[in-house]
Amino acid sequence: MNTPMNPYHEFLRIVYRMRAAQIKFFESKSASDLRLAKSLEKQVDEWLKRCGFEASQIKQMRLDLGKPN
């Protein structure tokens, strides 16, 4: 039986694939690895926009990773 994927599981899979592609690119410096990493980054950004995670909301949630909590 094939159950529908939880949207958050979909997001986590995209993030996992994105990080793996980024790591692969930094090791290889390959143009094709860079294209894949950028494509997955775009998918993550689009997912966040669809869910309404705008920069101001992220700041309010204290998820701005550049600053310690």
C-alpha atoms as a PDB file:
ATOM      1  CA  MET A   1       0.000   0.000   0.000  1.00  0.00           C
ATOM      2  CA  ASN A   2       1.361   3.408  -0.992  1.00  0.00           C
ATOM      3  CA  THR A   3       0.414   6.085   1.570  1.00  0.00           C
ATOM      4  CA  PRO A   4       0.632   9.788   0.721  1.00  0.00           C
ATOM      5  CA  MET A   5       3.809  11.499   1.872  1.00  0.00           C
ATOM      6  CA  ASN A   6       3.567  13.898   4.778  1.00  0.00           C
ATOM      7  CA  PRO A   7       4.510  17.368   3.432  1.00  0.00           C
ATOM      8  CA  TYR A   8       7.076  17.794   6.196  1.00  0.00           C
ATOM      9  CA  HIS A   9       8.710  14.506   5.257  1.00  0.00           C
ATOM     10  CA  GLU A  10       8.891  15.831   1.690  1.00  0.00           C
ATOM     11  CA  PHE A  11      10.588  18.974   2.962  1.00  0.00           C
ATOM     12  CA  LEU A  12      13.087  17.029   5.064  1.00  0.00           C
ATOM     13  CA  ARG A  13      13.937  14.837   2.079  1.00  0.00           C
ATOM     14  CA  ILE A  14      14.570  17.899  -0.083  1.00  0.00           C
ATOM     15  CA  VAL A  15      16.760  19.468   2.631  1.00  0.00           C
ATOM     16  CA  TYR A  16      18.686  16.210   3.069  1.00  0.00           C
ATOM     17  CA  ARG A  17      19.266  15.939  -0.693  1.00  0.00           C
ATOM     18  CA  MET A  18      20.239  19.633  -0.860  1.00  0.00           C
ATOM     19  CA  ARG A  19      22.867  19.266   1.881  1.00  0.00           C
ATOM     20  CA  ALA A  20      24.266  16.123   0.262  1.00  0.00           C
ATOM     21  CA  ALA A  21      24.494  17.954  -3.084  1.00  0.00           C
ATOM     22  CA  GLN A  22      26.189  20.950  -1.454  1.00  0.00           C
ATOM     23  CA  ILE A  23      28.750  18.735   0.257  1.00  0.00           C
ATOM     24  CA  LYS A  24      29.388  16.880  -3.003  1.00  0.00           C
ATOM     25  CA  PHE A  25      29.878  20.178  -4.851  1.00  0.00           C
ATOM     26  CA  PHE A  26      32.351  21.514  -2.285  1.00  0.00           C
ATOM     27  CA  GLU A  27      34.350  18.313  -2.650  1.00  0.00           C
ATOM     28  CA  SER A  28      34.228  18.115  -6.450  1.00  0.00           C
ATOM     29  CA  LYS A  29      33.798  21.759  -7.613  1.00  0.00           C
ATOM     30  CA  SER A  30      31.896  20.230 -10.529  1.00  0.00           C
ATOM     31  CA  ALA A  31      29.536  22.455 -12.531  1.00  0.00           C
ATOM     32  CA  SER A  32      26.915  19.692 -12.641  1.00  0.00           C
ATOM     33  CA  ASP A  33      27.087  19.260  -8.850  1.00  0.00           C
ATOM     34  CA  LEU A  34      26.665  23.027  -8.439  1.00  0.00           C
ATOM     35  CA  ARG A  35      23.595  23.031 -10.727  1.00  0.00           C
ATOM     36  CA  LEU A  36      22.008  20.221  -8.698  1.00  0.00           C
ATOM     37  CA  ALA A  37      22.724  21.976  -5.376  1.00  0.00           C
ATOM     38  CA  LYS A  38      21.247  25.243  -6.670  1.00  0.00           C
ATOM     39  CA  SER A  39      18.188  23.451  -8.023  1.00  0.00           C
ATOM     40  CA  LEU A  40      17.551  21.812  -4.657  1.00  0.00           C
ATOM     41  CA  GLU A  41      18.146  25.123  -2.831  1.00  0.00           C
ATOM     42  CA  LYS A  42      15.488  26.666  -5.063  1.00  0.00           C
ATOM     43  CA  GLN A  43      13.071  23.847  -4.176  1.00  0.00           C
ATOM     44  CA  VAL A  44      13.668  24.467  -0.462  1.00  0.00           C
ATOM     45  CA  ASP A  45      13.098  28.217  -0.919  1.00  0.00           C
ATOM     46  CA  GLU A  46       9.889  27.590  -2.885  1.00  0.00           C
ATOM     47  CA  TRP A  47       8.628  25.171  -0.229  1.00  0.00           C
ATOM     48  CA  LEU A  48       9.255  27.746   2.495  1.00  0.00           C
ATOM     49  CA  LYS A  49       7.433  30.434   0.502  1.00  0.00           C
ATOM     50  CA  ARG A  50       4.451  28.116  -0.076  1.00  0.00           C
ATOM     51  CA  CYS A  51       4.273  27.551   3.675  1.00  0.00           C
ATOM     52  CA  GLY A  52       4.438  31.257   4.418  1.00  0.00           C
ATOM     53  CA  PHE A  53       7.863  31.361   6.024  1.00  0.00           C
ATOM     54  CA  GLU A  54       8.884  34.887   5.184  1.00  0.00           C
ATOM     55  CA  ALA A  55      11.987  36.508   6.678  1.00  0.00           C
ATOM     56  CA  SER A  56      10.041  38.478   9.299  1.00  0.00           C
ATOM     57  CA  GLN A  57       8.286  35.329  10.516  1.00  0.00           C
ATOM     58  CA  ILE A  58      11.571  33.444  10.733  1.00  0.00           C
ATOM     59  CA  LYS A  59      13.030  36.291  12.792  1.00  0.00           C
ATOM     60  CA  GLN A  60      10.014  36.234  15.093  1.00  0.00           C
ATOM     61  CA  MET A  61      10.497  32.486  15.553  1.00  0.00           C
ATOM     62  CA  ARG A  62      14.147  33.162  16.469  1.00  0.00           C
ATOM     63  CA  LEU A  63      15.332  30.873  13.695  1.00  0.00           C
ATOM     64  CA  ASP A  64      17.737  33.433  12.262  1.00  0.00           C
ATOM     65  CA  LEU A  65      20.821  31.240  12.438  1.00  0.00           C
ATOM     66  CA  GLY A  66      23.290  34.077  12.109  1.00  0.00           C
ATOM     67  CA  LYS A  67      22.703  35.196  15.688  1.00  0.00           C
ATOM     68  CA  PRO A  68      22.816  33.167  18.887  1.00  0.00           C
ATOM     69  CA  ASN A  69      19.559  32.932  20.879  1.00  0.00           C
END
